[in-house]
Amino acid sequence: MTAERRLICAIYTRKSTEEGLDQNFNSLDAQRDACENYIASQRSEGWLMARERYDDGGFSGGNMERPGLKKLLEDVRSGLVDIIVVYKIDRLSRSLADFAKLVEIFDEHKVTFVSVTQAFNTTTSMGRLTLNILLSFAQFEREQSGERTREKISAARANGKWQHNGVPLGYNQDQRQELQVDATEAAIVKDIFQRFSEAASVDALIIELADQGYRSKVRVSQQGNRAGGKPIDRNGLYRILNNRMYLGELFYRQEWHASKHQAIIEQGLWDQVHEILDRRARRKGVPTTEERWIFFPLGDRLYWHDGRPYKMYESSNRNGLRYRYYKGVATPQEKATDTGPPTIRAAEIHDAVIKHLLEQFENPQGLLDNL
């Protein structure tokens, strides 16, 4: 066998979950065994197995953030690999976009890609067509699996099943992952809502809750680490008051959905508390969602020169006149030297932007030329 005919073959194996990896002969071993046998069958063609192992156990094929794959690509770029051998193409990637990037890298460094169970060669047009077809099905399978998982989670949430460790104050989780009301903690949650609806001062209420001995929920992780059990501060108070789980709902896919677990707070008390929260927000000059885009069209679009965003504020005088403005966040040093982002009246900057736009629209061709 001449040196020119020697082709170094790198075996890549992957498994999406860590289940079974602690066995003496696991899925990665089975994949590698099949690949080794295939390389041995091509010994007459000069194929030699690389000593380096490229294994990713417990990593999804939906992205390229995998240590074994990264090491493989490093060796490809270094010219240490001639052929990549996998059991199936979806072991290397389940994403059509990612696979296109990988094939581009392989082509750039004249590396051939071989699947043991799906015979094709990426150096031919027919091989590329076969590859794209197979990979499209692999991506379709991954998306279908993701949809089934999301549907499963949605159904679990609808049935009051909580699939996280962070159960909020007032509930416990049973062996079936269903939320059950903790009578002692639920009484604390009800008392907090009731006291807030009657309190004149949030700061005074927080002190009262601490004096009463109220604490956040103690959580124990799977590793046995304990967290929580601390006095309820301002942030903790507002997290409780804004948690719709107490209404018998669960959050999934950016929305709150009705669930079968028992509610702790009645709708009337919830509405009363949130009416107070809305009033406090308006007093502090925080625009409501409806007002945001009507009165602050530059909201989330206005930045200081270093990238710090401007926030929207609103105030009123004794006569009920409202003043709206954008305010930049200044550091303590900037406040002391008056060098931070200036406060801008909304009306003034809105007028300036409108004037600039009108000037631009007077010369449509110039506007198009600048696109």
Protein backbone atom coordinates (compact mmCIF):
# COMPACT_ATOMS: atom_id res chain seq x y z
CA MET A 1 0.00 0.00 0.00
CA THR A 2 1.51 3.34 -1.00
CA ALA A 3 1.44 6.38 1.21
CA GLU A 4 -0.58 8.27 -1.41
CA ARG A 5 -3.43 5.77 -1.13
CA ARG A 6 -3.83 6.00 2.62
CA LEU A 7 -7.10 7.68 3.60
CA ILE A 8 -7.59 8.55 7.27
CA CYS A 9 -11.16 7.82 8.36
CA ALA A 10 -12.72 9.61 11.34
CA ILE A 11 -15.71 7.94 12.99
CA TYR A 12 -18.33 10.29 14.42
CA THR A 13 -21.05 9.02 16.79
CA ARG A 14 -23.90 10.85 18.54
CA LYS A 15 -26.85 10.13 20.82
CA SER A 16 -29.43 12.77 21.72
CA THR A 17 -29.93 11.70 25.33
CA GLU A 18 -27.65 10.40 28.08
CA GLU A 19 -29.96 7.48 28.77
CA GLY A 20 -28.08 4.18 28.62
CA LEU A 21 -24.64 5.73 28.11
CA ASP A 22 -23.45 4.23 31.38
CA GLN A 23 -23.91 0.70 30.01
CA ASN A 24 -20.91 -1.43 29.06
CA PHE A 25 -22.02 -1.46 25.41
CA ASN A 26 -24.15 1.57 24.58
CA SER A 27 -25.53 3.20 21.44
CA LEU A 28 -22.28 5.06 20.73
CA ASP A 29 -20.35 1.79 20.92
CA ALA A 30 -22.81 0.11 18.55
CA GLN A 31 -22.45 2.95 16.03
CA ARG A 32 -18.67 2.86 16.26
CA ASP A 33 -18.57 -0.92 15.88
CA ALA A 34 -20.57 -0.74 12.64
CA CYS A 35 -18.34 2.05 11.31
CA GLU A 36 -15.14 0.16 12.19
CA ASN A 37 -16.38 -2.90 10.31
CA TYR A 38 -17.18 -0.77 7.27
CA ILE A 39 -13.72 0.81 7.30
CA ALA A 40 -12.14 -2.64 7.61
CA SER A 41 -14.06 -3.75 4.51
CA GLN A 42 -12.47 -0.87 2.58
CA ARG A 43 -8.91 -1.59 3.68
CA SER A 44 -7.93 -2.54 0.14
CA GLU A 45 -8.89 1.01 -0.93
CA GLY A 46 -6.39 2.43 1.54
CA TRP A 47 -8.85 3.30 4.33
CA LEU A 48 -7.29 3.57 7.79
CA MET A 49 -9.16 4.36 11.01
CA ALA A 50 -8.11 7.49 12.92
CA ARG A 51 -7.09 6.97 16.55
CA GLU A 52 -9.00 10.04 17.77
CA ARG A 53 -12.57 9.45 18.96
CA TYR A 54 -15.32 11.91 18.06
CA ASP A 55 -18.27 11.06 20.29
CA ASP A 56 -21.18 13.26 21.44
CA GLY A 57 -23.33 11.53 24.03
CA GLY A 58 -26.36 13.48 25.18
CA PHE A 59 -26.23 16.17 22.47
CA SER A 60 -29.00 17.14 20.05
CA GLY A 61 -28.43 16.99 16.31
CA GLY A 62 -30.45 20.18 15.84
CA ASN A 63 -27.40 22.43 16.31
CA MET A 64 -23.60 22.35 16.00
CA GLU A 65 -22.78 23.12 19.64
CA ARG A 66 -21.19 19.73 20.31
CA PRO A 67 -17.65 19.15 21.61
CA GLY A 68 -17.04 16.02 19.54
CA LEU A 69 -18.20 17.71 16.34
CA LYS A 70 -16.11 20.81 17.06
CA LYS A 71 -13.00 18.64 17.53
CA LEU A 72 -13.78 16.81 14.29
CA LEU A 73 -14.05 20.08 12.35
CA GLU A 74 -10.77 21.29 13.84
CA ASP A 75 -9.02 18.14 12.59
CA VAL A 76 -10.70 18.49 9.19
CA ARG A 77 -9.35 22.03 8.86
CA SER A 78 -5.93 20.79 9.99
CA GLY A 79 -5.86 18.20 7.21
CA LEU A 80 -5.90 15.21 9.60
CA VAL A 81 -9.05 13.64 8.14
CA ASP A 82 -9.83 12.38 4.63
CA ILE A 83 -13.12 10.56 5.16
CA ILE A 84 -15.84 10.98 7.80
CA VAL A 85 -17.78 7.82 8.58
CA VAL A 86 -21.10 7.79 10.44
CA TYR A 87 -23.76 5.18 11.08
CA LYS A 88 -26.55 7.41 9.69
CA ILE A 89 -26.46 10.96 8.37
CA ASP A 90 -28.75 12.24 11.13
CA ARG A 91 -26.00 11.34 13.62
CA LEU A 92 -23.98 14.17 12.13
CA SER A 93 -26.83 16.67 11.87
CA ARG A 94 -30.61 16.89 11.77
CA SER A 95 -30.62 20.45 10.44
CA LEU A 96 -30.58 21.02 6.69
CA ALA A 97 -28.97 24.45 7.13
CA ASP A 98 -26.25 23.10 9.44
CA PHE A 99 -25.56 20.18 7.14
CA ALA A 100 -25.11 22.52 4.19
CA LYS A 101 -22.43 24.33 6.21
CA LEU A 102 -20.74 21.04 7.08
CA VAL A 103 -20.71 19.85 3.46
CA GLU A 104 -19.20 23.19 2.42
CA ILE A 105 -16.40 22.70 4.97
CA PHE A 106 -15.86 19.11 3.80
CA ASP A 107 -15.66 20.20 0.16
CA GLU A 108 -13.24 23.00 0.98
CA HIS A 109 -10.83 20.53 2.57
CA LYS A 110 -11.54 17.67 0.12
CA VAL A 111 -13.10 15.45 2.78
CA THR A 112 -15.57 12.73 1.78
CA PHE A 113 -18.63 11.92 3.87
CA VAL A 114 -19.90 8.33 4.14
CA SER A 115 -22.92 6.82 5.85
CA VAL A 116 -22.65 3.12 6.70
CA THR A 117 -26.38 2.40 6.39
CA GLN A 118 -27.10 4.85 3.54
CA ALA A 119 -24.58 4.24 0.78
CA PHE A 120 -23.74 7.37 -1.18
CA ASN A 121 -20.78 9.59 -2.03
CA THR A 122 -20.98 13.35 -1.56
CA THR A 123 -18.50 14.01 -4.36
CA THR A 124 -21.13 13.19 -7.04
CA SER A 125 -24.25 15.13 -7.99
CA MET A 126 -26.42 12.06 -7.41
CA GLY A 127 -24.86 11.60 -3.99
CA ARG A 128 -25.65 15.21 -3.10
CA LEU A 129 -29.25 14.78 -4.24
CA THR A 130 -29.60 11.63 -2.15
CA LEU A 131 -28.02 13.41 0.79
CA ASN A 132 -30.42 16.37 0.60
CA ILE A 133 -33.43 14.06 0.35
CA LEU A 134 -32.36 11.97 3.33
CA LEU A 135 -31.47 15.05 5.36
CA SER A 136 -34.82 16.68 4.56
CA PHE A 137 -36.54 13.66 6.01
CA ALA A 138 -34.24 13.78 9.05
CA GLN A 139 -35.13 17.44 9.64
CA PHE A 140 -38.82 16.65 9.13
CA GLU A 141 -38.56 13.89 11.73
CA ARG A 142 -36.88 16.28 14.18
CA GLU A 143 -39.56 18.94 13.68
CA GLN A 144 -42.30 16.33 14.08
CA SER A 145 -40.67 15.15 17.30
CA GLY A 146 -40.51 18.75 18.54
CA GLU A 147 -44.19 19.28 17.75
CA ARG A 148 -45.14 16.10 19.60
CA THR A 149 -43.09 17.23 22.59
CA ARG A 150 -44.75 20.65 22.62
CA GLU A 151 -48.19 19.04 22.34
CA LYS A 152 -47.32 16.72 25.21
CA ILE A 153 -46.22 19.65 27.39
CA SER A 154 -49.34 21.62 26.45
CA ALA A 155 -51.59 18.70 27.40
CA ALA A 156 -49.69 18.24 30.66
CA ARG A 157 -50.10 21.92 31.54
CA ALA A 158 -53.81 21.75 30.72
CA ASN A 159 -54.13 18.88 33.19
CA GLY A 160 -52.37 20.78 35.95
CA LYS A 161 -49.02 19.03 35.63
CA TRP A 162 -45.96 21.10 36.49
CA GLN A 163 -42.77 19.86 34.79
CA HIS A 164 -40.26 22.10 36.55
CA ASN A 165 -38.63 22.20 39.97
CA GLY A 166 -39.61 25.80 40.75
CA VAL A 167 -43.04 25.23 42.25
CA PRO A 168 -44.34 28.58 43.57
CA LEU A 169 -45.34 29.35 47.12
CA GLY A 170 -48.74 27.82 47.84
CA TYR A 171 -48.31 24.59 45.87
CA ASN A 172 -46.52 21.27 46.07
CA GLN A 173 -45.87 18.74 43.31
CA ASP A 174 -46.96 15.12 43.69
CA GLN A 175 -45.44 12.04 42.06
CA ARG A 176 -47.63 12.51 38.99
CA GLN A 177 -46.24 16.04 38.53
CA GLU A 178 -49.61 17.51 39.41
CA LEU A 179 -49.87 20.68 41.49
CA GLN A 180 -51.51 20.24 44.87
CA VAL A 181 -52.43 23.13 47.17
CA ASP A 182 -50.33 23.43 50.31
CA ALA A 183 -52.89 24.67 52.85
CA THR A 184 -50.37 26.50 55.05
CA GLU A 185 -48.61 28.25 52.18
CA ALA A 186 -51.90 28.98 50.37
CA ALA A 187 -53.09 30.85 53.48
CA ILE A 188 -49.92 32.97 53.30
CA VAL A 189 -50.52 33.77 49.62
CA LYS A 190 -54.14 34.78 50.31
CA ASP A 191 -53.03 36.94 53.21
CA ILE A 192 -50.42 38.68 51.05
CA PHE A 193 -53.00 39.51 48.36
CA GLN A 194 -55.50 40.73 50.94
CA ARG A 195 -52.96 42.86 52.80
CA PHE A 196 -51.70 44.43 49.57
CA SER A 197 -55.25 45.41 48.63
CA GLU A 198 -55.53 47.27 51.95
CA ALA A 199 -51.95 48.53 52.39
CA ALA A 200 -51.11 52.20 52.08
CA SER A 201 -47.40 51.55 51.61
CA VAL A 202 -45.57 48.69 49.90
CA ASP A 203 -42.48 49.24 52.04
CA ALA A 204 -44.54 49.03 55.23
CA LEU A 205 -46.20 45.86 53.95
CA ILE A 206 -42.83 44.21 53.29
CA ILE A 207 -41.78 44.98 56.87
CA GLU A 208 -45.05 43.52 58.17
CA LEU A 209 -44.56 40.33 56.16
CA ALA A 210 -41.04 39.94 57.55
CA ASP A 211 -42.29 40.49 61.10
CA GLN A 212 -44.99 37.90 60.47
CA GLY A 213 -42.26 35.41 59.53
CA TYR A 214 -43.35 35.00 55.92
CA ARG A 215 -40.62 33.53 53.71
CA SER A 216 -40.23 32.53 50.07
CA LYS A 217 -40.67 28.86 49.21
CA VAL A 218 -37.83 26.50 50.02
CA ARG A 219 -36.82 24.52 46.93
CA VAL A 220 -34.63 21.42 46.91
CA SER A 221 -32.87 20.53 43.65
CA GLN A 222 -32.25 16.99 42.43
CA GLN A 223 -28.71 17.35 43.74
CA GLY A 224 -30.06 18.13 47.20
CA ASN A 225 -29.22 21.84 47.12
CA ARG A 226 -31.64 24.09 49.00
CA ALA A 227 -32.71 27.54 47.84
CA GLY A 228 -35.26 30.09 48.99
CA GLY A 229 -36.64 30.45 52.49
CA LYS A 230 -35.69 34.13 52.55
CA PRO A 231 -37.80 37.11 53.67
CA ILE A 232 -40.11 38.33 50.90
CA ASP A 233 -38.62 41.50 49.38
CA ARG A 234 -40.19 43.91 46.89
CA ASN A 235 -39.33 41.78 43.85
CA GLY A 236 -40.60 38.65 45.55
CA LEU A 237 -43.83 40.42 46.50
CA TYR A 238 -44.53 41.52 42.92
CA ARG A 239 -43.69 38.05 41.57
CA ILE A 240 -46.38 36.62 43.83
CA LEU A 241 -48.92 39.29 42.92
CA ASN A 242 -48.37 38.78 39.18
CA ASN A 243 -48.34 34.97 39.14
CA ARG A 244 -51.50 33.81 37.36
CA MET A 245 -50.91 30.27 38.58
CA TYR A 246 -52.86 31.39 41.65
CA LEU A 247 -55.88 31.81 39.33
CA GLY A 248 -55.62 28.19 38.18
CA GLU A 249 -53.62 28.90 35.04
CA LEU A 250 -50.25 27.73 33.69
CA PHE A 251 -47.86 29.49 31.31
CA TYR A 252 -46.88 27.81 28.06
CA ARG A 253 -45.67 29.10 24.67
CA GLN A 254 -45.89 32.77 25.65
CA GLU A 255 -49.47 32.53 26.89
CA TRP A 256 -51.40 31.66 30.03
CA HIS A 257 -53.74 28.69 29.70
CA ALA A 258 -56.51 27.39 31.95
CA SER A 259 -55.38 24.40 33.99
CA LYS A 260 -56.99 21.78 36.21
CA HIS A 261 -55.01 22.62 39.32
CA GLN A 262 -56.91 24.35 42.12
CA ALA A 263 -56.85 28.14 42.20
CA ILE A 264 -55.79 29.91 45.41
CA ILE A 265 -56.92 33.47 44.63
CA GLU A 266 -60.43 34.42 43.54
CA GLN A 267 -60.82 36.51 40.41
CA GLY A 268 -62.36 39.41 42.32
CA LEU A 269 -59.39 39.79 44.68
CA TRP A 270 -56.98 39.39 41.76
CA ASP A 271 -58.73 42.20 39.83
CA GLN A 272 -58.72 44.42 42.91
CA VAL A 273 -54.99 43.93 43.44
CA HIS A 274 -54.13 44.55 39.79
CA GLU A 275 -56.23 47.67 39.65
CA ILE A 276 -54.03 48.97 42.47
CA LEU A 277 -50.88 47.87 40.63
CA ASP A 278 -52.03 49.69 37.49
CA ARG A 279 -52.73 52.87 39.47
CA ARG A 280 -49.31 52.74 41.08
CA ALA A 281 -47.67 52.23 37.68
CA ARG A 282 -49.48 55.24 36.22
CA ARG A 283 -48.52 57.38 39.22
CA LYS A 284 -44.89 56.49 38.69
CA GLY A 285 -45.09 57.52 35.06
CA VAL A 286 -44.89 54.05 33.52
CA PRO A 287 -47.01 53.97 30.33
CA THR A 288 -49.55 51.18 29.97
CA THR A 289 -49.36 48.73 27.08
CA GLU A 290 -52.12 50.54 25.20
CA GLU A 291 -50.43 53.92 25.65
CA ARG A 292 -46.96 52.70 24.71
CA TRP A 293 -47.25 52.84 20.92
CA ILE A 294 -49.85 55.61 20.77
CA PHE A 295 -47.96 58.19 22.83
CA PHE A 296 -44.42 56.80 22.51
CA PRO A 297 -43.90 55.78 18.85
CA LEU A 298 -40.13 55.86 19.39
CA GLY A 299 -40.34 53.40 22.28
CA ASP A 300 -37.59 50.75 22.04
CA ARG A 301 -36.12 52.67 19.09
CA LEU A 302 -34.27 55.50 20.84
CA TYR A 303 -30.71 54.95 22.08
CA TRP A 304 -27.85 56.99 23.53
CA HIS A 305 -24.63 56.99 21.46
CA ASP A 306 -23.18 54.07 23.46
CA GLY A 307 -26.22 51.85 22.89
CA ARG A 308 -28.10 52.47 26.15
CA PRO A 309 -31.84 52.53 25.47
CA TYR A 310 -34.12 55.38 26.47
CA LYS A 311 -37.08 54.53 28.66
CA MET A 312 -40.58 55.98 28.40
CA TYR A 313 -41.99 58.04 31.28
CA GLU A 314 -45.10 60.05 31.95
CA SER A 315 -45.96 62.57 34.65
CA SER A 316 -48.86 64.88 35.45
CA ASN A 317 -49.39 68.09 37.43
CA ARG A 318 -52.16 69.07 39.79
CA ASN A 319 -54.36 70.18 36.90
CA GLY A 320 -54.16 66.70 35.34
CA LEU A 321 -51.94 67.74 32.44
CA ARG A 322 -49.71 64.90 31.27
CA TYR A 323 -46.08 65.31 30.27
CA ARG A 324 -44.41 62.53 28.34
CA TYR A 325 -40.70 62.18 27.86
CA TYR A 326 -37.86 59.77 27.16
CA LYS A 327 -35.28 59.33 29.87
CA GLY A 328 -31.85 57.77 29.57
CA VAL A 329 -30.28 55.77 32.38
CA ALA A 330 -27.24 57.58 33.79
CA THR A 331 -24.47 56.16 35.96
CA PRO A 332 -23.76 57.74 39.39
CA GLN A 333 -20.65 59.43 37.95
CA GLU A 334 -22.67 60.87 35.06
CA LYS A 335 -25.33 62.14 37.45
CA ALA A 336 -22.68 63.87 39.55
CA THR A 337 -21.12 65.57 36.51
CA ASP A 338 -24.34 66.00 34.51
CA THR A 339 -22.79 64.26 31.50
CA GLY A 340 -25.21 61.37 31.03
CA PRO A 341 -28.03 60.91 28.51
CA PRO A 342 -30.31 63.97 28.64
CA THR A 343 -34.03 63.70 29.29
CA ILE A 344 -35.94 64.45 26.06
CA ARG A 345 -39.51 65.68 25.91
CA ALA A 346 -41.51 63.32 23.72
CA ALA A 347 -43.26 66.10 21.79
CA GLU A 348 -39.99 67.76 20.84
CA ILE A 349 -38.27 64.68 19.46
CA HIS A 350 -41.48 63.51 17.74
CA ASP A 351 -41.70 66.88 15.95
CA ALA A 352 -38.02 66.66 14.95
CA VAL A 353 -38.43 63.17 13.52
CA ILE A 354 -41.59 64.12 11.62
CA LYS A 355 -39.87 67.22 10.19
CA HIS A 356 -36.92 65.11 9.05
CA LEU A 357 -39.21 62.55 7.41
CA LEU A 358 -41.15 65.25 5.56
CA GLU A 359 -37.90 66.68 4.24
CA GLN A 360 -36.86 63.25 3.02
CA PHE A 361 -40.19 62.62 1.30
CA GLU A 362 -39.85 65.87 -0.64
CA ASN A 363 -37.07 64.18 -2.60
CA PRO A 364 -38.30 60.59 -3.23
CA GLN A 365 -35.46 59.78 -5.63
CA GLY A 366 -32.84 60.82 -3.09
CA LEU A 367 -34.57 58.68 -0.49
CA LEU A 368 -34.46 55.67 -2.81
CA ASP A 369 -30.80 56.32 -3.60
CA ASN A 370 -29.94 56.09 0.10
CA LEU A 371 -31.68 52.74 0.59
